[in-house]
Protein backbone atom coordinates (compact mmCIF):
# COMPACT_ATOMS: atom_id res chain seq x y z
CA UNK A 1 0.00 0.00 0.00
CA UNK A 2 1.28 3.40 -0.97
CA UNK A 3 0.39 6.62 0.91
CA UNK A 4 -0.42 9.67 -1.22
CA UNK A 5 -0.55 13.24 0.12
CA UNK A 6 -3.72 15.25 -0.40
CA UNK A 7 -4.08 17.21 -2.61
CA UNK A 8 -0.57 17.56 -4.08
CA UNK A 9 0.16 13.86 -4.51
CA UNK A 10 -3.29 13.13 -5.90
CA UNK A 11 -2.85 15.99 -8.38
CA UNK A 12 0.42 14.44 -9.57
CA UNK A 13 -1.19 11.00 -9.91
CA UNK A 14 -4.33 12.15 -11.75
CA UNK A 15 -3.37 15.34 -13.59
CA UNK A 16 -6.25 17.17 -11.87
CA UNK A 17 -5.29 20.53 -10.35
CA UNK A 18 -5.08 20.93 -6.58
CA UNK A 19 -7.69 23.71 -6.78
CA UNK A 20 -10.11 21.41 -8.60
CA UNK A 21 -9.47 18.62 -6.09
CA UNK A 22 -10.09 20.96 -3.13
CA UNK A 23 -13.32 22.17 -4.75
CA UNK A 24 -14.46 18.58 -5.30
CA UNK A 25 -13.68 17.73 -1.67
CA UNK A 26 -15.75 20.70 -0.48
CA UNK A 27 -18.61 19.28 -2.57
CA UNK A 28 -18.16 15.85 -0.98
CA UNK A 29 -16.40 14.27 -3.96
CA UNK A 30 -12.98 13.01 -2.88
CA UNK A 31 -11.25 9.72 -2.21
CA UNK A 32 -11.29 8.45 1.36
CA UNK A 33 -8.93 10.70 3.33
CA UNK A 34 -6.99 10.10 6.54
CA UNK A 35 -5.72 12.81 8.91
CA UNK A 36 -2.20 11.79 9.89
CA UNK A 37 -1.76 15.11 11.72
CA UNK A 38 -4.05 18.07 12.34
CA UNK A 39 -2.80 19.67 9.12
CA UNK A 40 -1.93 16.76 6.84
CA UNK A 41 -4.39 14.61 4.92
CA UNK A 42 -3.44 11.52 2.95
CA UNK A 43 -5.12 8.78 0.97
CA UNK A 44 -3.96 5.38 -0.18
CA UNK A 45 -3.40 4.19 -3.72
CA UNK A 46 -6.25 1.69 -3.22
CA UNK A 47 -8.68 4.42 -2.06
CA UNK A 48 -7.64 6.66 -4.94
CA UNK A 49 -8.17 3.84 -7.44
CA UNK A 50 -11.60 3.10 -5.95
CA UNK A 51 -12.58 6.77 -6.24
CA UNK A 52 -11.46 6.82 -9.88
CA UNK A 53 -13.29 3.56 -10.70
CA UNK A 54 -16.50 5.07 -9.28
CA UNK A 55 -16.31 7.66 -12.07
CA UNK A 56 -16.56 5.15 -14.91
CA UNK A 57 -18.46 6.49 -17.90
CA UNK A 58 -20.53 4.45 -20.38
CA UNK A 59 -19.06 3.61 -23.78
CA UNK A 60 -21.49 6.08 -25.37
CA UNK A 61 -20.14 9.01 -23.31
CA UNK A 62 -18.95 11.87 -25.50
CA UNK A 63 -16.07 13.76 -23.94
CA UNK A 64 -15.69 17.41 -24.86
CA UNK A 65 -12.20 18.32 -26.09
CA UNK A 66 -10.02 20.54 -23.92
CA UNK A 67 -10.46 24.25 -24.55
CA UNK A 68 -7.87 25.79 -22.22
CA UNK A 69 -4.25 25.96 -23.15
CA UNK A 70 -4.86 24.63 -26.66
CA UNK A 71 -3.15 26.60 -29.41
CA UNK A 72 -5.40 27.36 -32.37
PDB file of N, CA and C in Angstrom:
ATOM      1  N   UNK A   1       0.854  -1.181   0.000  1.00  0.00           N
ATOM      2  CA  UNK A   1       0.000   0.000   0.000  1.00  0.00           C
ATOM      3  C   UNK A   1       0.892   1.234   0.000  1.00  0.00           C
ATOM      4  N   UNK A   2       0.543   2.153  -0.859  1.00  0.00           N
ATOM      5  CA  UNK A   2       1.277   3.404  -0.969  1.00  0.00           C
ATOM      6  C   UNK A   2       0.434   4.536  -0.398  1.00  0.00           C
ATOM      7  N   UNK A   3       1.063   5.453   0.330  1.00  0.00           N
ATOM      8  CA  UNK A   3       0.393   6.620   0.911  1.00  0.00           C
ATOM      9  C   UNK A   3       0.606   7.802  -0.026  1.00  0.00           C
ATOM     10  N   UNK A   4      -0.472   8.534  -0.305  1.00  0.00           N
ATOM     11  CA  UNK A   4      -0.415   9.668  -1.223  1.00  0.00           C
ATOM     12  C   UNK A   4      -0.928  10.909  -0.504  1.00  0.00           C
ATOM     13  N   UNK A   5      -0.144  11.996  -0.548  1.00  0.00           N
ATOM     14  CA  UNK A   5      -0.554  13.239   0.123  1.00  0.00           C
ATOM     15  C   UNK A   5      -1.695  13.899  -0.631  1.00  0.00           C
ATOM     16  N   UNK A   6      -2.586  14.502   0.150  1.00  0.00           N
ATOM     17  CA  UNK A   6      -3.719  15.250  -0.399  1.00  0.00           C
ATOM     18  C   UNK A   6      -3.443  16.729  -0.269  1.00  0.00           C
ATOM     19  N   UNK A   7      -3.660  17.537  -1.253  1.00  0.00           N
ATOM     20  CA  UNK A   7      -4.085  17.213  -2.607  1.00  0.00           C
ATOM     21  C   UNK A   7      -2.916  17.110  -3.597  1.00  0.00           C
ATOM     22  N   UNK A   8      -1.707  17.487  -3.159  1.00  0.00           N
ATOM     23  CA  UNK A   8      -0.574  17.558  -4.077  1.00  0.00           C
ATOM     24  C   UNK A   8      -0.260  16.217  -4.750  1.00  0.00           C
ATOM     25  N   UNK A   9      -0.165  15.169  -3.957  1.00  0.00           N
ATOM     26  CA  UNK A   9       0.159  13.857  -4.510  1.00  0.00           C
ATOM     27  C   UNK A   9      -0.924  13.327  -5.429  1.00  0.00           C
ATOM     28  N   UNK A  10      -2.173  13.575  -5.059  1.00  0.00           N
ATOM     29  CA  UNK A  10      -3.291  13.128  -5.896  1.00  0.00           C
ATOM     30  C   UNK A  10      -3.283  13.903  -7.212  1.00  0.00           C
ATOM     31  N   UNK A  11      -2.943  15.188  -7.162  1.00  0.00           N
ATOM     32  CA  UNK A  11      -2.849  15.991  -8.383  1.00  0.00           C
ATOM     33  C   UNK A  11      -1.782  15.422  -9.313  1.00  0.00           C
ATOM     34  N   UNK A  12      -0.646  15.030  -8.754  1.00  0.00           N
ATOM     35  CA  UNK A  12       0.419  14.438  -9.570  1.00  0.00           C
ATOM     36  C   UNK A  12      -0.035  13.119 -10.195  1.00  0.00           C
ATOM     37  N   UNK A  13      -0.744  12.319  -9.436  1.00  0.00           N
ATOM     38  CA  UNK A  13      -1.193  11.005  -9.913  1.00  0.00           C
ATOM     39  C   UNK A  13      -2.275  11.105 -10.983  1.00  0.00           C
ATOM     40  N   UNK A  14      -3.159  12.088 -10.867  1.00  0.00           N
ATOM     41  CA  UNK A  14      -4.327  12.151 -11.746  1.00  0.00           C
ATOM     42  C   UNK A  14      -4.253  13.225 -12.825  1.00  0.00           C
ATOM     43  N   UNK A  15      -3.406  14.234 -12.637  1.00  0.00           N
ATOM     44  CA  UNK A  15      -3.369  15.343 -13.588  1.00  0.00           C
ATOM     45  C   UNK A  15      -4.462  16.364 -13.347  1.00  0.00           C
ATOM     46  N   UNK A  16      -5.198  16.217 -12.249  1.00  0.00           N
ATOM     47  CA  UNK A  16      -6.248  17.165 -11.871  1.00  0.00           C
ATOM     48  C   UNK A  16      -5.613  18.205 -10.941  1.00  0.00           C
ATOM     49  N   UNK A  17      -5.913  19.477 -11.149  1.00  0.00           N
ATOM     50  CA  UNK A  17      -5.287  20.530 -10.348  1.00  0.00           C
ATOM     51  C   UNK A  17      -5.670  20.428  -8.873  1.00  0.00           C
ATOM     52  N   UNK A  18      -4.792  20.941  -8.012  1.00  0.00           N
ATOM     53  CA  UNK A  18      -5.077  20.927  -6.579  1.00  0.00           C
ATOM     54  C   UNK A  18      -6.313  21.763  -6.267  1.00  0.00           C
ATOM     55  N   UNK A  19      -6.508  22.858  -6.990  1.00  0.00           N
ATOM     56  CA  UNK A  19      -7.686  23.706  -6.781  1.00  0.00           C
ATOM     57  C   UNK A  19      -8.956  22.928  -7.100  1.00  0.00           C
ATOM     58  N   UNK A  20      -8.949  22.211  -8.209  1.00  0.00           N
ATOM     59  CA  UNK A  20     -10.114  21.409  -8.596  1.00  0.00           C
ATOM     60  C   UNK A  20     -10.365  20.320  -7.558  1.00  0.00           C
ATOM     61  N   UNK A  21      -9.313  19.669  -7.092  1.00  0.00           N
ATOM     62  CA  UNK A  21      -9.472  18.616  -6.086  1.00  0.00           C
ATOM     63  C   UNK A  21     -10.052  19.175  -4.789  1.00  0.00           C
ATOM     64  N   UNK A  22      -9.580  20.341  -4.357  1.00  0.00           N
ATOM     65  CA  UNK A  22     -10.092  20.958  -3.131  1.00  0.00           C
ATOM     66  C   UNK A  22     -11.567  21.337  -3.295  1.00  0.00           C
ATOM     67  N   UNK A  23     -11.924  21.826  -4.479  1.00  0.00           N
ATOM     68  CA  UNK A  23     -13.322  22.165  -4.748  1.00  0.00           C
ATOM     69  C   UNK A  23     -14.190  20.917  -4.698  1.00  0.00           C
ATOM     70  N   UNK A  24     -13.718  19.849  -5.322  1.00  0.00           N
ATOM     71  CA  UNK A  24     -14.464  18.584  -5.301  1.00  0.00           C
ATOM     72  C   UNK A  24     -14.634  18.081  -3.865  1.00  0.00           C
ATOM     73  N   UNK A  25     -13.585  18.185  -3.060  1.00  0.00           N
ATOM     74  CA  UNK A  25     -13.675  17.733  -1.670  1.00  0.00           C
ATOM     75  C   UNK A  25     -14.729  18.538  -0.914  1.00  0.00           C
ATOM     76  N   UNK A  26     -14.763  19.847  -1.140  1.00  0.00           N
ATOM     77  CA  UNK A  26     -15.749  20.704  -0.476  1.00  0.00           C
ATOM     78  C   UNK A  26     -17.171  20.304  -0.881  1.00  0.00           C
ATOM     79  N   UNK A  27     -17.305  19.736  -2.076  1.00  0.00           N
ATOM     80  CA  UNK A  27     -18.606  19.282  -2.569  1.00  0.00           C
ATOM     81  C   UNK A  27     -18.892  17.835  -2.174  1.00  0.00           C
ATOM     82  N   UNK A  28     -17.965  17.227  -1.436  1.00  0.00           N
ATOM     83  CA  UNK A  28     -18.159  15.853  -0.982  1.00  0.00           C
ATOM     84  C   UNK A  28     -17.672  14.796  -1.956  1.00  0.00           C
ATOM     85  N   UNK A  29     -16.886  15.203  -2.936  1.00  0.00           N
ATOM     86  CA  UNK A  29     -16.401  14.267  -3.956  1.00  0.00           C
ATOM     87  C   UNK A  29     -14.885  14.153  -3.861  1.00  0.00           C
ATOM     88  N   UNK A  30     -14.419  13.226  -3.056  1.00  0.00           N
ATOM     89  CA  UNK A  30     -12.977  13.012  -2.884  1.00  0.00           C
ATOM     90  C   UNK A  30     -12.753  11.558  -2.485  1.00  0.00           C
ATOM     91  N   UNK A  31     -11.534  11.072  -2.699  1.00  0.00           N
ATOM     92  CA  UNK A  31     -11.251   9.724  -2.210  1.00  0.00           C
ATOM     93  C   UNK A  31     -11.274   9.716  -0.686  1.00  0.00           C
ATOM     94  N   UNK A  32     -11.327   8.554  -0.093  1.00  0.00           N
ATOM     95  CA  UNK A  32     -11.289   8.448   1.362  1.00  0.00           C
ATOM     96  C   UNK A  32      -9.980   9.081   1.851  1.00  0.00           C
ATOM     97  N   UNK A  33     -10.101   9.984   2.821  1.00  0.00           N
ATOM     98  CA  UNK A  33      -8.930  10.698   3.333  1.00  0.00           C
ATOM     99  C   UNK A  33      -8.687  10.347   4.788  1.00  0.00           C
ATOM    100  N   UNK A  34      -7.417  10.402   5.172  1.00  0.00           N
ATOM    101  CA  UNK A  34      -6.993  10.099   6.541  1.00  0.00           C
ATOM    102  C   UNK A  34      -6.178  11.274   7.058  1.00  0.00           C
ATOM    103  N   UNK A  35      -6.452  11.696   8.294  1.00  0.00           N
ATOM    104  CA  UNK A  35      -5.723  12.808   8.913  1.00  0.00           C
ATOM    105  C   UNK A  35      -4.567  12.229   9.727  1.00  0.00           C
ATOM    106  N   UNK A  36      -3.354  12.315   9.174  1.00  0.00           N
ATOM    107  CA  UNK A  36      -2.197  11.787   9.893  1.00  0.00           C
ATOM    108  C   UNK A  36      -1.684  12.783  10.927  1.00  0.00           C
ATOM    109  N   UNK A  37      -1.983  14.056  10.721  1.00  0.00           N
ATOM    110  CA  UNK A  37      -1.758  15.112  11.716  1.00  0.00           C
ATOM    111  C   UNK A  37      -2.938  16.060  11.584  1.00  0.00           C
ATOM    112  N   UNK A  38      -2.950  17.092  12.414  1.00  0.00           N
ATOM    113  CA  UNK A  38      -4.046  18.066  12.339  1.00  0.00           C
ATOM    114  C   UNK A  38      -4.052  18.832  11.024  1.00  0.00           C
ATOM    115  N   UNK A  39      -2.905  18.870  10.350  1.00  0.00           N
ATOM    116  CA  UNK A  39      -2.805  19.665   9.122  1.00  0.00           C
ATOM    117  C   UNK A  39      -2.433  18.866   7.888  1.00  0.00           C
ATOM    118  N   UNK A  40      -2.358  17.568   7.988  1.00  0.00           N
ATOM    119  CA  UNK A  40      -1.933  16.761   6.842  1.00  0.00           C
ATOM    120  C   UNK A  40      -2.929  15.642   6.566  1.00  0.00           C
ATOM    121  N   UNK A  41      -3.486  15.665   5.356  1.00  0.00           N
ATOM    122  CA  UNK A  41      -4.394  14.612   4.916  1.00  0.00           C
ATOM    123  C   UNK A  41      -3.678  13.738   3.899  1.00  0.00           C
ATOM    124  N   UNK A  42      -3.993  12.467   3.919  1.00  0.00           N
ATOM    125  CA  UNK A  42      -3.441  11.521   2.952  1.00  0.00           C
ATOM    126  C   UNK A  42      -4.535  10.568   2.510  1.00  0.00           C
ATOM    127  N   UNK A  43      -4.261   9.868   1.429  1.00  0.00           N
ATOM    128  CA  UNK A  43      -5.116   8.781   0.971  1.00  0.00           C
ATOM    129  C   UNK A  43      -4.201   7.631   0.596  1.00  0.00           C
ATOM    130  N   UNK A  44      -4.772   6.512   0.253  1.00  0.00           N
ATOM    131  CA  UNK A  44      -3.958   5.378  -0.177  1.00  0.00           C
ATOM    132  C   UNK A  44      -4.162   5.174  -1.674  1.00  0.00           C
ATOM    133  N   UNK A  45      -3.240   4.464  -2.296  1.00  0.00           N
ATOM    134  CA  UNK A  45      -3.400   4.193  -3.720  1.00  0.00           C
ATOM    135  C   UNK A  45      -4.667   3.380  -3.978  1.00  0.00           C
ATOM    136  N   UNK A  46      -5.026   2.492  -3.060  1.00  0.00           N
ATOM    137  CA  UNK A  46      -6.253   1.693  -3.222  1.00  0.00           C
ATOM    138  C   UNK A  46      -7.503   2.575  -3.135  1.00  0.00           C
ATOM    139  N   UNK A  47      -7.527   3.520  -2.185  1.00  0.00           N
ATOM    140  CA  UNK A  47      -8.682   4.418  -2.058  1.00  0.00           C
ATOM    141  C   UNK A  47      -8.782   5.353  -3.258  1.00  0.00           C
ATOM    142  N   UNK A  48      -7.640   5.807  -3.764  1.00  0.00           N
ATOM    143  CA  UNK A  48      -7.638   6.663  -4.942  1.00  0.00           C
ATOM    144  C   UNK A  48      -8.162   5.895  -6.155  1.00  0.00           C
ATOM    145  N   UNK A  49      -7.704   4.659  -6.323  1.00  0.00           N
ATOM    146  CA  UNK A  49      -8.173   3.837  -7.442  1.00  0.00           C
ATOM    147  C   UNK A  49      -9.674   3.574  -7.341  1.00  0.00           C
ATOM    148  N   UNK A  50     -10.171   3.329  -6.140  1.00  0.00           N
ATOM    149  CA  UNK A  50     -11.604   3.097  -5.945  1.00  0.00           C
ATOM    150  C   UNK A  50     -12.402   4.338  -6.319  1.00  0.00           C
ATOM    151  N   UNK A  51     -11.928   5.507  -5.928  1.00  0.00           N
ATOM    152  CA  UNK A  51     -12.584   6.772  -6.243  1.00  0.00           C
ATOM    153  C   UNK A  51     -12.624   6.979  -7.752  1.00  0.00           C
ATOM    154  N   UNK A  52     -11.516   6.672  -8.422  1.00  0.00           N
ATOM    155  CA  UNK A  52     -11.463   6.823  -9.878  1.00  0.00           C
ATOM    156  C   UNK A  52     -12.405   5.828 -10.550  1.00  0.00           C
ATOM    157  N   UNK A  53     -12.406   4.574 -10.099  1.00  0.00           N
ATOM    158  CA  UNK A  53     -13.289   3.561 -10.697  1.00  0.00           C
ATOM    159  C   UNK A  53     -14.765   3.942 -10.553  1.00  0.00           C
ATOM    160  N   UNK A  54     -15.111   4.653  -9.493  1.00  0.00           N
ATOM    161  CA  UNK A  54     -16.498   5.068  -9.279  1.00  0.00           C
ATOM    162  C   UNK A  54     -16.943   6.108 -10.313  1.00  0.00           C
ATOM    163  N   UNK A  55     -16.004   6.638 -11.072  1.00  0.00           N
ATOM    164  CA  UNK A  55     -16.305   7.664 -12.067  1.00  0.00           C
ATOM    165  C   UNK A  55     -16.369   7.096 -13.483  1.00  0.00           C
ATOM    166  N   UNK A  56     -16.507   5.795 -13.599  1.00  0.00           N
ATOM    167  CA  UNK A  56     -16.560   5.155 -14.908  1.00  0.00           C
ATOM    168  C   UNK A  56     -17.705   5.739 -15.736  1.00  0.00           C
ATOM    169  N   UNK A  57     -17.438   5.953 -16.997  1.00  0.00           N
ATOM    170  CA  UNK A  57     -18.456   6.488 -17.905  1.00  0.00           C
ATOM    171  C   UNK A  57     -18.865   5.400 -18.901  1.00  0.00           C
ATOM    172  N   UNK A  58     -20.090   5.452 -19.397  1.00  0.00           N
ATOM    173  CA  UNK A  58     -20.526   4.452 -20.375  1.00  0.00           C
ATOM    174  C   UNK A  58     -19.781   4.623 -21.698  1.00  0.00           C
ATOM    175  N   UNK A  59     -19.761   3.586 -22.493  1.00  0.00           N
ATOM    176  CA  UNK A  59     -19.062   3.611 -23.784  1.00  0.00           C
ATOM    177  C   UNK A  59     -19.621   4.685 -24.710  1.00  0.00           C
ATOM    178  N   UNK A  60     -20.858   5.076 -24.509  1.00  0.00           N
ATOM    179  CA  UNK A  60     -21.486   6.083 -25.374  1.00  0.00           C
ATOM    180  C   UNK A  60     -21.195   7.511 -24.931  1.00  0.00           C
ATOM    181  N   UNK A  61     -20.456   7.678 -23.839  1.00  0.00           N
ATOM    182  CA  UNK A  61     -20.136   9.010 -23.308  1.00  0.00           C
ATOM    183  C   UNK A  61     -19.307   9.783 -24.320  1.00  0.00           C
ATOM    184  N   UNK A  62     -19.694  11.024 -24.574  1.00  0.00           N
ATOM    185  CA  UNK A  62     -18.947  11.869 -25.503  1.00  0.00           C
ATOM    186  C   UNK A  62     -18.213  12.935 -24.706  1.00  0.00           C
ATOM    187  N   UNK A  63     -16.915  12.834 -24.695  1.00  0.00           N
ATOM    188  CA  UNK A  63     -16.072  13.765 -23.945  1.00  0.00           C
ATOM    189  C   UNK A  63     -15.825  15.010 -24.792  1.00  0.00           C
ATOM    190  N   UNK A  64     -15.982  16.167 -24.167  1.00  0.00           N
ATOM    191  CA  UNK A  64     -15.688  17.409 -24.864  1.00  0.00           C
ATOM    192  C   UNK A  64     -14.172  17.593 -24.918  1.00  0.00           C
ATOM    193  N   UNK A  65     -13.647  18.090 -26.014  1.00  0.00           N
ATOM    194  CA  UNK A  65     -12.199  18.323 -26.090  1.00  0.00           C
ATOM    195  C   UNK A  65     -11.792  19.472 -25.180  1.00  0.00           C
ATOM    196  N   UNK A  66     -10.551  19.477 -24.774  1.00  0.00           N
ATOM    197  CA  UNK A  66     -10.020  20.542 -23.924  1.00  0.00           C
ATOM    198  C   UNK A  66     -10.098  21.871 -24.667  1.00  0.00           C
ATOM    199  N   UNK A  67     -10.390  22.934 -23.930  1.00  0.00           N
ATOM    200  CA  UNK A  67     -10.465  24.248 -24.552  1.00  0.00           C
ATOM    201  C   UNK A  67      -9.429  25.205 -23.995  1.00  0.00           C
ATOM    202  N   UNK A  68      -8.878  24.907 -22.822  1.00  0.00           N
ATOM    203  CA  UNK A  68      -7.870  25.786 -22.225  1.00  0.00           C
ATOM    204  C   UNK A  68      -6.474  25.323 -22.599  1.00  0.00           C
ATOM    205  N   UNK A  69      -5.638  26.278 -22.884  1.00  0.00           N
ATOM    206  CA  UNK A  69      -4.251  25.960 -23.150  1.00  0.00           C
ATOM    207  C   UNK A  69      -4.013  25.264 -24.474  1.00  0.00           C
ATOM    208  N   UNK A  70      -5.001  25.268 -25.354  1.00  0.00           N
ATOM    209  CA  UNK A  70      -4.856  24.630 -26.656  1.00  0.00           C
ATOM    210  C   UNK A  70      -4.608  25.710 -27.693  1.00  0.00           C
ATOM    211  N   UNK A  71      -3.481  25.607 -28.380  1.00  0.00           N
ATOM    212  CA  UNK A  71      -3.154  26.599 -29.414  1.00  0.00           C
ATOM    213  C   UNK A  71      -4.028  26.373 -30.636  1.00  0.00           C
ATOM    214  N   UNK A  72      -4.523  27.461 -31.181  1.00  0.00           N
ATOM    215  CA  UNK A  72      -5.398  27.359 -32.367  1.00  0.00           C
ATOM    216  C   UNK A  72      -4.606  27.331 -33.637  1.00  0.00           C
TER     217      UNK A  72
END
